[in-house]
N, C-alpha and C. Protein backbone atom coordinates (compact mmCIF):
# COMPACT_ATOMS: atom_id res chain seq x y z
N PRO A 1 -178.97 -249.54 -110.87
CA PRO A 1 -179.93 -250.64 -110.90
C PRO A 1 -180.07 -251.36 -109.56
N ASN A 2 -179.07 -251.28 -108.70
CA ASN A 2 -179.11 -251.99 -107.42
C ASN A 2 -179.69 -251.16 -106.29
N ASN A 3 -180.12 -249.94 -106.56
CA ASN A 3 -180.72 -249.12 -105.51
C ASN A 3 -181.95 -249.85 -104.98
N PRO A 4 -182.06 -250.02 -103.66
CA PRO A 4 -183.14 -250.83 -103.11
C PRO A 4 -184.50 -250.13 -102.99
N VAL A 5 -184.62 -248.85 -103.35
CA VAL A 5 -185.93 -248.20 -103.21
C VAL A 5 -186.92 -248.89 -104.15
N ALA A 6 -188.02 -249.37 -103.58
CA ALA A 6 -188.99 -250.14 -104.36
C ALA A 6 -189.91 -249.25 -105.17
N ALA A 7 -190.34 -248.12 -104.60
CA ALA A 7 -191.27 -247.23 -105.27
C ALA A 7 -191.27 -245.89 -104.54
N LEU A 8 -191.77 -244.88 -105.21
CA LEU A 8 -191.92 -243.55 -104.61
C LEU A 8 -193.31 -243.03 -104.91
N THR A 9 -193.79 -242.17 -104.05
CA THR A 9 -195.04 -241.45 -104.32
C THR A 9 -194.68 -240.08 -104.89
N LEU A 10 -195.67 -239.40 -105.46
CA LEU A 10 -195.42 -238.05 -105.95
C LEU A 10 -195.01 -237.13 -104.80
N ALA A 11 -195.54 -237.35 -103.60
CA ALA A 11 -195.15 -236.54 -102.45
C ALA A 11 -193.67 -236.76 -102.13
N GLN A 12 -193.20 -238.00 -102.16
CA GLN A 12 -191.79 -238.26 -101.91
C GLN A 12 -190.93 -237.64 -103.01
N LEU A 13 -191.39 -237.72 -104.26
CA LEU A 13 -190.64 -237.12 -105.35
C LEU A 13 -190.57 -235.61 -105.18
N ASP A 14 -191.66 -235.00 -104.72
CA ASP A 14 -191.65 -233.56 -104.41
C ASP A 14 -190.61 -233.29 -103.32
N GLY A 15 -190.54 -234.14 -102.32
CA GLY A 15 -189.55 -233.98 -101.26
C GLY A 15 -188.13 -234.12 -101.75
N ILE A 16 -187.93 -234.86 -102.84
CA ILE A 16 -186.60 -235.06 -103.42
C ILE A 16 -186.20 -233.87 -104.29
N VAL A 17 -187.07 -233.46 -105.20
CA VAL A 17 -186.69 -232.44 -106.18
C VAL A 17 -187.05 -231.02 -105.76
N GLY A 18 -187.98 -230.88 -104.82
CA GLY A 18 -188.44 -229.56 -104.41
C GLY A 18 -187.89 -229.11 -103.08
N ALA A 19 -188.11 -227.84 -102.78
CA ALA A 19 -187.67 -227.28 -101.50
C ALA A 19 -188.82 -226.68 -100.70
N GLU A 20 -189.94 -226.41 -101.37
CA GLU A 20 -191.05 -225.74 -100.68
C GLU A 20 -192.00 -226.73 -100.02
N GLY A 21 -192.15 -227.91 -100.59
CA GLY A 21 -192.99 -228.93 -99.99
C GLY A 21 -194.48 -228.67 -100.09
N LEU A 22 -194.95 -228.21 -101.24
CA LEU A 22 -196.40 -228.01 -101.40
C LEU A 22 -197.15 -229.33 -101.44
N ARG A 23 -196.50 -230.39 -101.90
CA ARG A 23 -197.12 -231.72 -101.91
C ARG A 23 -196.62 -232.54 -100.74
N SER A 24 -195.39 -232.31 -100.35
CA SER A 24 -194.77 -233.09 -99.28
C SER A 24 -194.29 -232.16 -98.18
N ALA A 25 -194.69 -232.43 -96.97
CA ALA A 25 -194.23 -231.61 -95.84
C ALA A 25 -192.83 -232.00 -95.40
N THR A 26 -192.35 -233.14 -95.89
CA THR A 26 -191.06 -233.67 -95.44
C THR A 26 -190.05 -233.68 -96.57
N PRO A 27 -188.95 -232.94 -96.43
CA PRO A 27 -187.90 -233.03 -97.44
C PRO A 27 -187.28 -234.42 -97.44
N VAL A 28 -186.92 -234.90 -98.60
CA VAL A 28 -186.24 -236.19 -98.74
C VAL A 28 -184.83 -235.86 -99.21
N ARG A 29 -183.89 -235.84 -98.27
CA ARG A 29 -182.52 -235.45 -98.58
C ARG A 29 -181.53 -236.60 -98.40
N ARG A 30 -181.93 -237.62 -97.65
CA ARG A 30 -181.13 -238.83 -97.47
C ARG A 30 -182.00 -240.02 -97.90
N TRP A 31 -181.36 -241.09 -98.31
CA TRP A 31 -182.12 -242.25 -98.77
C TRP A 31 -183.00 -242.82 -97.67
N SER A 32 -182.59 -242.69 -96.41
CA SER A 32 -183.43 -243.16 -95.31
C SER A 32 -184.76 -242.42 -95.27
N ASP A 33 -184.79 -241.16 -95.73
CA ASP A 33 -186.05 -240.40 -95.80
C ASP A 33 -187.03 -241.01 -96.80
N ALA A 34 -186.50 -241.82 -97.73
CA ALA A 34 -187.34 -242.51 -98.72
C ALA A 34 -187.57 -243.97 -98.33
N GLY A 35 -187.20 -244.33 -97.09
CA GLY A 35 -187.44 -245.68 -96.60
C GLY A 35 -186.33 -246.67 -96.85
N VAL A 36 -185.19 -246.22 -97.36
CA VAL A 36 -184.07 -247.12 -97.63
C VAL A 36 -183.28 -247.33 -96.34
N THR A 37 -182.99 -248.60 -96.05
CA THR A 37 -182.18 -248.96 -94.89
C THR A 37 -180.84 -249.49 -95.37
N GLY A 38 -180.00 -249.88 -94.44
CA GLY A 38 -178.69 -250.43 -94.80
C GLY A 38 -177.70 -249.32 -95.09
N PRO A 39 -176.59 -249.66 -95.73
CA PRO A 39 -175.51 -248.70 -95.93
C PRO A 39 -175.92 -247.46 -96.75
N LEU A 40 -176.86 -247.62 -97.66
CA LEU A 40 -177.28 -246.49 -98.49
C LEU A 40 -178.16 -245.51 -97.71
N GLY A 41 -178.88 -245.99 -96.71
CA GLY A 41 -179.84 -245.17 -95.97
C GLY A 41 -179.34 -243.82 -95.51
N PRO A 42 -178.21 -243.73 -94.81
CA PRO A 42 -177.77 -242.42 -94.31
C PRO A 42 -177.13 -241.52 -95.36
N GLN A 43 -176.90 -242.04 -96.56
CA GLN A 43 -176.23 -241.23 -97.58
C GLN A 43 -177.17 -240.17 -98.15
N PRO A 44 -176.62 -238.97 -98.41
CA PRO A 44 -177.44 -237.94 -99.05
C PRO A 44 -177.74 -238.30 -100.50
N LEU A 45 -178.93 -237.95 -100.95
CA LEU A 45 -179.29 -238.17 -102.35
C LEU A 45 -178.52 -237.19 -103.21
N ALA A 46 -177.99 -237.68 -104.30
CA ALA A 46 -177.44 -236.81 -105.34
C ALA A 46 -178.53 -236.70 -106.39
N VAL A 47 -179.07 -235.51 -106.60
CA VAL A 47 -180.24 -235.33 -107.46
C VAL A 47 -179.83 -234.66 -108.77
N TYR A 48 -180.21 -235.29 -109.88
CA TYR A 48 -179.88 -234.79 -111.21
C TYR A 48 -181.15 -234.60 -112.04
N GLY A 49 -181.08 -233.65 -112.93
CA GLY A 49 -182.15 -233.42 -113.89
C GLY A 49 -181.59 -232.59 -115.03
N THR A 50 -182.45 -232.23 -115.96
CA THR A 50 -182.04 -231.33 -117.02
C THR A 50 -182.40 -229.91 -116.58
N ALA A 51 -182.24 -228.95 -117.45
CA ALA A 51 -182.48 -227.54 -117.11
C ALA A 51 -183.89 -227.35 -116.55
N VAL A 52 -183.97 -226.65 -115.42
CA VAL A 52 -185.27 -226.49 -114.76
C VAL A 52 -186.24 -225.63 -115.55
N ASP A 53 -185.77 -224.92 -116.57
CA ASP A 53 -186.67 -224.15 -117.42
C ASP A 53 -186.98 -224.86 -118.74
N GLY A 54 -186.56 -226.12 -118.87
CA GLY A 54 -186.89 -226.92 -120.04
C GLY A 54 -188.24 -227.61 -119.85
N VAL A 55 -188.87 -228.01 -120.93
CA VAL A 55 -190.21 -228.59 -120.89
C VAL A 55 -190.33 -229.77 -119.93
N PRO A 56 -189.42 -230.77 -119.94
CA PRO A 56 -189.60 -231.89 -119.01
C PRO A 56 -189.59 -231.48 -117.54
N MET A 57 -188.67 -230.60 -117.16
CA MET A 57 -188.59 -230.19 -115.76
C MET A 57 -189.72 -229.23 -115.39
N LEU A 58 -190.19 -228.43 -116.35
CA LEU A 58 -191.37 -227.59 -116.07
C LEU A 58 -192.58 -228.48 -115.81
N PHE A 59 -192.68 -229.60 -116.52
CA PHE A 59 -193.76 -230.55 -116.29
C PHE A 59 -193.65 -231.12 -114.86
N VAL A 60 -192.45 -231.47 -114.45
CA VAL A 60 -192.23 -231.98 -113.09
C VAL A 60 -192.61 -230.90 -112.07
N ARG A 61 -192.18 -229.68 -112.33
CA ARG A 61 -192.53 -228.59 -111.42
C ARG A 61 -194.05 -228.46 -111.27
N ARG A 62 -194.75 -228.51 -112.38
CA ARG A 62 -196.20 -228.33 -112.36
C ARG A 62 -196.92 -229.51 -111.71
N HIS A 63 -196.53 -230.73 -112.06
CA HIS A 63 -197.29 -231.91 -111.64
C HIS A 63 -196.77 -232.60 -110.39
N VAL A 64 -195.55 -232.35 -110.03
CA VAL A 64 -195.00 -232.95 -108.81
C VAL A 64 -194.92 -231.92 -107.69
N MET A 65 -194.40 -230.74 -108.02
CA MET A 65 -194.15 -229.71 -107.02
C MET A 65 -195.31 -228.72 -106.88
N LYS A 66 -196.43 -229.02 -107.51
CA LYS A 66 -197.62 -228.14 -107.47
C LYS A 66 -197.26 -226.71 -107.85
N ASN A 67 -196.43 -226.59 -108.86
CA ASN A 67 -196.00 -225.33 -109.46
C ASN A 67 -195.09 -224.48 -108.58
N SER A 68 -194.53 -225.06 -107.56
CA SER A 68 -193.54 -224.34 -106.75
C SER A 68 -192.33 -224.03 -107.64
N ARG A 69 -191.73 -222.92 -107.43
CA ARG A 69 -190.51 -222.55 -108.16
C ARG A 69 -189.26 -222.79 -107.33
N LYS A 70 -189.44 -223.42 -106.18
CA LYS A 70 -188.32 -223.64 -105.26
C LYS A 70 -187.81 -225.08 -105.39
N TRP A 71 -186.78 -225.23 -106.19
CA TRP A 71 -186.17 -226.53 -106.40
C TRP A 71 -185.23 -226.86 -105.26
N ASN A 72 -184.98 -228.15 -105.07
CA ASN A 72 -183.95 -228.61 -104.13
C ASN A 72 -182.65 -227.92 -104.54
N PRO A 73 -182.02 -227.17 -103.64
CA PRO A 73 -180.81 -226.44 -104.02
C PRO A 73 -179.65 -227.34 -104.43
N SER A 74 -179.69 -228.61 -104.08
CA SER A 74 -178.59 -229.50 -104.49
C SER A 74 -178.86 -230.19 -105.83
N LEU A 75 -180.00 -229.92 -106.46
CA LEU A 75 -180.28 -230.50 -107.78
C LEU A 75 -179.26 -230.00 -108.78
N LYS A 76 -178.64 -230.93 -109.47
CA LYS A 76 -177.65 -230.57 -110.49
C LYS A 76 -178.31 -230.68 -111.86
N ALA A 77 -178.42 -229.55 -112.54
CA ALA A 77 -179.03 -229.52 -113.88
C ALA A 77 -177.95 -229.79 -114.92
N LEU A 78 -178.15 -230.85 -115.69
CA LEU A 78 -177.21 -231.22 -116.75
C LEU A 78 -177.83 -230.93 -118.11
N ASP A 79 -177.04 -231.03 -119.15
CA ASP A 79 -177.51 -230.56 -120.45
C ASP A 79 -178.36 -231.55 -121.25
N SER A 80 -178.49 -232.79 -120.79
CA SER A 80 -179.29 -233.76 -121.56
C SER A 80 -179.69 -234.94 -120.68
N ASP A 81 -180.69 -235.67 -121.14
CA ASP A 81 -181.08 -236.90 -120.45
C ASP A 81 -179.91 -237.87 -120.39
N ALA A 82 -179.13 -237.95 -121.48
CA ALA A 82 -177.98 -238.87 -121.51
C ALA A 82 -176.96 -238.51 -120.43
N ALA A 83 -176.74 -237.22 -120.22
CA ALA A 83 -175.80 -236.79 -119.17
C ALA A 83 -176.35 -237.12 -117.79
N VAL A 84 -177.66 -236.99 -117.60
CA VAL A 84 -178.27 -237.33 -116.31
C VAL A 84 -178.11 -238.83 -116.05
N ILE A 85 -178.40 -239.64 -117.05
CA ILE A 85 -178.28 -241.10 -116.90
C ILE A 85 -176.84 -241.49 -116.60
N ALA A 86 -175.89 -240.89 -117.30
CA ALA A 86 -174.47 -241.20 -117.04
C ALA A 86 -174.08 -240.82 -115.61
N ALA A 87 -174.55 -239.68 -115.13
CA ALA A 87 -174.23 -239.25 -113.76
C ALA A 87 -174.85 -240.19 -112.73
N VAL A 88 -176.09 -240.59 -112.94
CA VAL A 88 -176.75 -241.51 -112.01
C VAL A 88 -176.06 -242.87 -112.04
N ALA A 89 -175.66 -243.33 -113.22
CA ALA A 89 -175.00 -244.63 -113.34
C ALA A 89 -173.66 -244.64 -112.59
N ARG A 90 -172.99 -243.49 -112.50
CA ARG A 90 -171.69 -243.40 -111.82
C ARG A 90 -171.82 -243.26 -110.31
N HIS A 91 -172.97 -242.84 -109.82
CA HIS A 91 -173.12 -242.47 -108.42
C HIS A 91 -174.19 -243.34 -107.76
N PRO A 92 -173.83 -244.31 -106.89
CA PRO A 92 -174.81 -245.23 -106.31
C PRO A 92 -175.89 -244.54 -105.46
N ALA A 93 -175.65 -243.33 -104.98
CA ALA A 93 -176.64 -242.63 -104.15
C ALA A 93 -177.39 -241.57 -104.95
N ALA A 94 -177.40 -241.72 -106.28
CA ALA A 94 -178.02 -240.70 -107.13
C ALA A 94 -179.41 -241.10 -107.59
N ILE A 95 -180.18 -240.09 -107.91
CA ILE A 95 -181.49 -240.25 -108.55
C ILE A 95 -181.59 -239.15 -109.59
N GLY A 96 -182.24 -239.45 -110.70
CA GLY A 96 -182.35 -238.46 -111.77
C GLY A 96 -183.74 -238.42 -112.35
N ILE A 97 -184.05 -237.29 -112.96
CA ILE A 97 -185.32 -237.11 -113.65
C ILE A 97 -185.00 -237.04 -115.14
N VAL A 98 -185.52 -238.01 -115.91
CA VAL A 98 -185.35 -238.04 -117.36
C VAL A 98 -186.66 -238.49 -118.01
N ARG A 99 -186.77 -238.27 -119.30
CA ARG A 99 -187.93 -238.77 -120.04
C ARG A 99 -187.87 -240.29 -120.08
N ALA A 100 -189.02 -240.93 -120.05
CA ALA A 100 -189.08 -242.39 -120.01
C ALA A 100 -188.35 -243.02 -121.20
N GLY A 101 -188.46 -242.44 -122.36
CA GLY A 101 -187.84 -242.99 -123.55
C GLY A 101 -186.32 -242.90 -123.57
N ALA A 102 -185.74 -242.18 -122.62
CA ALA A 102 -184.30 -242.00 -122.58
C ALA A 102 -183.58 -243.07 -121.77
N MET A 103 -184.30 -243.90 -121.05
CA MET A 103 -183.69 -244.87 -120.14
C MET A 103 -182.79 -245.86 -120.87
N ASP A 104 -181.76 -246.31 -120.15
CA ASP A 104 -180.94 -247.40 -120.68
C ASP A 104 -180.60 -248.36 -119.54
N ARG A 105 -179.87 -249.41 -119.83
CA ARG A 105 -179.64 -250.50 -118.86
C ARG A 105 -178.73 -250.13 -117.70
N ARG A 106 -178.05 -249.02 -117.78
CA ARG A 106 -177.15 -248.63 -116.68
C ARG A 106 -177.91 -248.18 -115.45
N VAL A 107 -179.19 -247.82 -115.61
CA VAL A 107 -180.03 -247.33 -114.52
C VAL A 107 -181.38 -248.04 -114.60
N ARG A 108 -182.20 -247.85 -113.58
CA ARG A 108 -183.54 -248.42 -113.64
C ARG A 108 -184.55 -247.34 -113.26
N SER A 109 -185.75 -247.48 -113.79
CA SER A 109 -186.80 -246.54 -113.43
C SER A 109 -187.40 -246.97 -112.09
N VAL A 110 -187.79 -246.00 -111.30
CA VAL A 110 -188.42 -246.27 -110.01
C VAL A 110 -189.93 -246.16 -110.20
N PRO A 111 -190.69 -247.18 -109.83
CA PRO A 111 -192.14 -247.08 -109.96
C PRO A 111 -192.69 -245.92 -109.13
N LEU A 112 -193.70 -245.24 -109.67
CA LEU A 112 -194.32 -244.11 -109.00
C LEU A 112 -195.80 -244.37 -108.78
N SER A 113 -196.30 -243.82 -107.68
CA SER A 113 -197.75 -243.81 -107.45
C SER A 113 -198.16 -242.38 -107.17
N ALA A 114 -199.42 -242.06 -107.49
CA ALA A 114 -199.91 -240.71 -107.25
C ALA A 114 -199.92 -240.39 -105.77
N LYS A 115 -200.26 -241.38 -104.94
CA LYS A 115 -200.27 -241.17 -103.49
C LYS A 115 -200.06 -242.49 -102.77
N ALA A 116 -199.75 -242.40 -101.49
CA ALA A 116 -199.51 -243.58 -100.67
C ALA A 116 -200.74 -244.49 -100.70
N GLY A 117 -200.50 -245.77 -100.78
CA GLY A 117 -201.58 -246.74 -100.79
C GLY A 117 -202.05 -247.12 -102.19
N GLU A 118 -201.65 -246.36 -103.21
CA GLU A 118 -202.01 -246.70 -104.59
C GLU A 118 -200.89 -247.52 -105.22
N ALA A 119 -201.25 -248.30 -106.22
CA ALA A 119 -200.25 -249.12 -106.90
C ALA A 119 -199.25 -248.22 -107.63
N ALA A 120 -197.99 -248.56 -107.49
CA ALA A 120 -196.93 -247.83 -108.19
C ALA A 120 -196.66 -248.50 -109.52
N THR A 121 -196.41 -247.70 -110.53
CA THR A 121 -196.13 -248.24 -111.86
C THR A 121 -194.86 -247.60 -112.42
N ARG A 122 -194.21 -248.35 -113.30
CA ARG A 122 -193.05 -247.84 -114.02
C ARG A 122 -193.56 -247.11 -115.27
N PRO A 123 -192.73 -246.24 -115.84
CA PRO A 123 -193.15 -245.53 -117.04
C PRO A 123 -193.03 -246.41 -118.29
N GLU A 124 -193.80 -247.49 -118.30
CA GLU A 124 -193.78 -248.41 -119.42
C GLU A 124 -194.95 -248.12 -120.35
N ARG A 125 -194.79 -248.50 -121.57
CA ARG A 125 -195.73 -248.18 -122.65
C ARG A 125 -197.19 -248.39 -122.25
N GLU A 126 -197.55 -249.59 -121.81
CA GLU A 126 -198.95 -249.89 -121.52
C GLU A 126 -199.47 -249.11 -120.31
N ALA A 127 -198.61 -248.86 -119.32
CA ALA A 127 -199.04 -248.07 -118.16
C ALA A 127 -199.29 -246.62 -118.54
N ILE A 128 -198.47 -246.10 -119.44
CA ILE A 128 -198.66 -244.72 -119.89
C ILE A 128 -199.91 -244.61 -120.74
N ILE A 129 -200.05 -245.49 -121.73
CA ILE A 129 -201.22 -245.46 -122.61
C ILE A 129 -202.50 -245.67 -121.81
N GLY A 130 -202.45 -246.56 -120.83
CA GLY A 130 -203.62 -246.86 -120.02
C GLY A 130 -203.93 -245.84 -118.94
N GLY A 131 -203.08 -244.82 -118.81
CA GLY A 131 -203.33 -243.76 -117.83
C GLY A 131 -202.99 -244.15 -116.40
N ARG A 132 -202.22 -245.22 -116.20
CA ARG A 132 -201.88 -245.65 -114.84
C ARG A 132 -200.60 -245.02 -114.31
N TYR A 133 -199.74 -244.54 -115.20
CA TYR A 133 -198.50 -243.89 -114.76
C TYR A 133 -198.81 -242.44 -114.43
N PRO A 134 -198.50 -241.98 -113.20
CA PRO A 134 -198.96 -240.65 -112.77
C PRO A 134 -198.25 -239.46 -113.41
N LEU A 135 -197.16 -239.68 -114.13
CA LEU A 135 -196.47 -238.55 -114.74
C LEU A 135 -196.44 -238.63 -116.26
N ALA A 136 -197.48 -239.17 -116.86
CA ALA A 136 -197.54 -239.22 -118.31
C ALA A 136 -197.89 -237.84 -118.85
N ARG A 137 -197.09 -237.38 -119.77
CA ARG A 137 -197.33 -236.09 -120.41
C ARG A 137 -198.19 -236.30 -121.65
N THR A 138 -199.24 -235.54 -121.80
CA THR A 138 -200.13 -235.72 -122.94
C THR A 138 -200.04 -234.53 -123.88
N LEU A 139 -200.42 -234.78 -125.10
CA LEU A 139 -200.48 -233.75 -126.13
C LEU A 139 -201.94 -233.66 -126.55
N SER A 140 -202.53 -232.49 -126.41
CA SER A 140 -203.94 -232.32 -126.75
C SER A 140 -204.08 -231.54 -128.04
N LEU A 141 -205.10 -231.89 -128.80
CA LEU A 141 -205.45 -231.17 -130.02
C LEU A 141 -206.77 -230.47 -129.73
N VAL A 142 -206.79 -229.17 -129.85
CA VAL A 142 -207.99 -228.38 -129.54
C VAL A 142 -208.38 -227.61 -130.79
N VAL A 143 -209.66 -227.61 -131.09
CA VAL A 143 -210.15 -226.85 -132.24
C VAL A 143 -211.24 -225.89 -131.79
N ASP A 144 -211.39 -224.83 -132.53
CA ASP A 144 -212.42 -223.83 -132.24
C ASP A 144 -213.67 -224.21 -133.02
N ARG A 145 -214.68 -224.69 -132.29
CA ARG A 145 -215.93 -225.08 -132.93
C ARG A 145 -217.08 -224.61 -132.06
N SER A 146 -217.88 -223.75 -132.59
CA SER A 146 -219.04 -223.29 -131.85
C SER A 146 -220.03 -224.42 -131.68
N HIS A 147 -220.80 -224.36 -130.59
CA HIS A 147 -221.80 -225.40 -130.31
C HIS A 147 -222.76 -225.51 -131.49
N GLY A 148 -222.99 -226.73 -131.94
CA GLY A 148 -223.92 -226.99 -133.03
C GLY A 148 -223.33 -226.81 -134.41
N LYS A 149 -222.11 -226.34 -134.51
CA LYS A 149 -221.46 -226.13 -135.81
C LYS A 149 -220.58 -227.34 -136.14
N THR A 150 -220.31 -227.52 -137.40
CA THR A 150 -219.43 -228.60 -137.83
C THR A 150 -218.04 -228.03 -138.12
N LEU A 151 -217.07 -228.90 -138.09
CA LEU A 151 -215.71 -228.50 -138.43
C LEU A 151 -215.58 -228.38 -139.94
N SER A 152 -214.59 -227.64 -140.38
CA SER A 152 -214.33 -227.60 -141.83
C SER A 152 -213.97 -229.01 -142.29
N PRO A 153 -214.26 -229.34 -143.54
CA PRO A 153 -213.97 -230.70 -144.02
C PRO A 153 -212.50 -231.11 -143.83
N GLY A 154 -211.57 -230.19 -144.07
CA GLY A 154 -210.15 -230.52 -143.92
C GLY A 154 -209.77 -230.80 -142.48
N THR A 155 -210.28 -229.97 -141.56
CA THR A 155 -209.98 -230.17 -140.14
C THR A 155 -210.59 -231.48 -139.65
N ASP A 156 -211.83 -231.74 -140.03
CA ASP A 156 -212.50 -232.98 -139.64
C ASP A 156 -211.73 -234.19 -140.16
N ALA A 157 -211.29 -234.14 -141.42
CA ALA A 157 -210.56 -235.27 -142.01
C ALA A 157 -209.22 -235.48 -141.30
N PHE A 158 -208.54 -234.38 -140.98
CA PHE A 158 -207.25 -234.49 -140.29
C PHE A 158 -207.42 -235.14 -138.92
N ILE A 159 -208.40 -234.70 -138.17
CA ILE A 159 -208.62 -235.25 -136.83
C ILE A 159 -209.02 -236.72 -136.92
N ARG A 160 -209.92 -237.04 -137.85
CA ARG A 160 -210.33 -238.45 -138.01
C ARG A 160 -209.15 -239.33 -138.40
N PHE A 161 -208.29 -238.82 -139.29
CA PHE A 161 -207.10 -239.58 -139.67
C PHE A 161 -206.19 -239.78 -138.46
N THR A 162 -205.94 -238.70 -137.71
CA THR A 162 -205.05 -238.78 -136.56
C THR A 162 -205.56 -239.78 -135.53
N LEU A 163 -206.86 -239.80 -135.28
CA LEU A 163 -207.43 -240.70 -134.29
C LEU A 163 -207.68 -242.11 -134.82
N GLY A 164 -207.62 -242.28 -136.13
CA GLY A 164 -207.85 -243.59 -136.73
C GLY A 164 -206.62 -244.49 -136.66
N ALA A 165 -206.78 -245.69 -137.16
CA ALA A 165 -205.71 -246.70 -137.08
C ALA A 165 -204.43 -246.24 -137.76
N ASP A 166 -204.54 -245.64 -138.96
CA ASP A 166 -203.33 -245.21 -139.67
C ASP A 166 -202.60 -244.10 -138.92
N GLY A 167 -203.33 -243.11 -138.44
CA GLY A 167 -202.72 -242.01 -137.70
C GLY A 167 -202.09 -242.48 -136.40
N GLN A 168 -202.79 -243.34 -135.68
CA GLN A 168 -202.25 -243.86 -134.42
C GLN A 168 -201.03 -244.74 -134.66
N SER A 169 -200.99 -245.43 -135.79
CA SER A 169 -199.82 -246.23 -136.15
C SER A 169 -198.61 -245.34 -136.41
N ILE A 170 -198.83 -244.22 -137.11
CA ILE A 170 -197.73 -243.28 -137.35
C ILE A 170 -197.20 -242.75 -136.02
N ILE A 171 -198.10 -242.39 -135.13
CA ILE A 171 -197.70 -241.89 -133.81
C ILE A 171 -196.92 -242.96 -133.06
N ALA A 172 -197.41 -244.19 -133.08
CA ALA A 172 -196.75 -245.28 -132.36
C ALA A 172 -195.36 -245.55 -132.89
N ASN A 173 -195.15 -245.35 -134.19
CA ASN A 173 -193.85 -245.61 -134.80
C ASN A 173 -192.94 -244.39 -134.83
N SER A 174 -193.38 -243.28 -134.23
CA SER A 174 -192.59 -242.04 -134.27
C SER A 174 -191.31 -242.14 -133.44
N GLY A 175 -191.31 -242.99 -132.43
CA GLY A 175 -190.15 -243.10 -131.55
C GLY A 175 -190.14 -242.07 -130.43
N THR A 176 -191.08 -241.12 -130.46
CA THR A 176 -191.12 -240.08 -129.43
C THR A 176 -192.47 -239.95 -128.74
N HIS A 177 -193.50 -240.49 -129.34
CA HIS A 177 -194.84 -240.37 -128.78
C HIS A 177 -195.51 -241.74 -128.75
N LEU A 178 -196.53 -241.86 -127.89
CA LEU A 178 -197.30 -243.10 -127.81
C LEU A 178 -198.71 -242.83 -128.32
N PRO A 179 -199.35 -243.85 -128.88
CA PRO A 179 -200.72 -243.67 -129.35
C PRO A 179 -201.70 -243.64 -128.18
N LEU A 180 -202.91 -243.25 -128.48
CA LEU A 180 -203.99 -243.32 -127.49
C LEU A 180 -204.41 -244.77 -127.30
N SER A 181 -205.02 -245.07 -126.18
CA SER A 181 -205.63 -246.39 -126.03
C SER A 181 -206.81 -246.43 -127.00
N PRO A 182 -207.22 -247.60 -127.47
CA PRO A 182 -208.38 -247.66 -128.36
C PRO A 182 -209.63 -247.00 -127.77
N ALA A 183 -209.82 -247.14 -126.46
CA ALA A 183 -211.00 -246.53 -125.82
C ALA A 183 -210.90 -245.01 -125.85
N ASP A 184 -209.70 -244.46 -125.59
CA ASP A 184 -209.54 -243.00 -125.64
C ASP A 184 -209.70 -242.47 -127.06
N ALA A 185 -209.19 -243.19 -128.05
CA ALA A 185 -209.35 -242.77 -129.44
C ALA A 185 -210.84 -242.77 -129.82
N ALA A 186 -211.57 -243.80 -129.39
CA ALA A 186 -213.01 -243.88 -129.69
C ALA A 186 -213.77 -242.73 -129.01
N ARG A 187 -213.43 -242.44 -127.76
CA ARG A 187 -214.09 -241.31 -127.05
C ARG A 187 -213.81 -239.99 -127.75
N SER A 188 -212.60 -239.83 -128.22
CA SER A 188 -212.24 -238.59 -128.93
C SER A 188 -212.98 -238.48 -130.25
N LEU A 189 -213.13 -239.59 -130.95
CA LEU A 189 -213.89 -239.58 -132.21
C LEU A 189 -215.35 -239.24 -131.96
N GLU A 190 -215.91 -239.71 -130.85
CA GLU A 190 -217.30 -239.40 -130.52
C GLU A 190 -217.53 -237.90 -130.36
N LYS A 191 -216.51 -237.19 -129.92
CA LYS A 191 -216.63 -235.75 -129.72
C LYS A 191 -216.80 -235.00 -131.04
N LEU A 192 -216.44 -235.64 -132.15
CA LEU A 192 -216.58 -235.01 -133.44
C LEU A 192 -218.03 -235.04 -133.94
N GLN A 193 -218.86 -235.86 -133.36
CA GLN A 193 -220.24 -235.99 -133.83
C GLN A 193 -221.05 -234.75 -133.55
């Protein structure tokens, strides 16, 4: 929680977790490379994540590293978000990649921006729902419907329920997913017309 880094860009995060630098030409291997001064600055980053072939890290690879398969060779892959958080909490020069819902008080999330000069946001509920957090993972529902055709009554009813207040409430209370913003739900419902 006391790490002084105020925010990171996706390019800096690529420099931390990646080795190829498709988004960032500069590797970030010491805290000074991320703009940290003082005693922490010259220390090497200890980088933690979960398995690089698991869904969360594949998402990072795709959206941060521009699909590079070359991870930072010092990245330590642990078996769970809880193990990553425990490792980061024990090591003052550590940074970890975990799902936003896994955070606890022993560590803090670092605000991210898509690029330099843009506002950085933490992975908080309203920022994710509002589309301001640059690493929000979405779940899409796609149906096969020919142009000018209607959906089957059951499929139409399911989608309308999911996008409606009751369906969005179930999603919000799931503990693992967030609902759509009201504007996004309304836009999605319009597509059914």
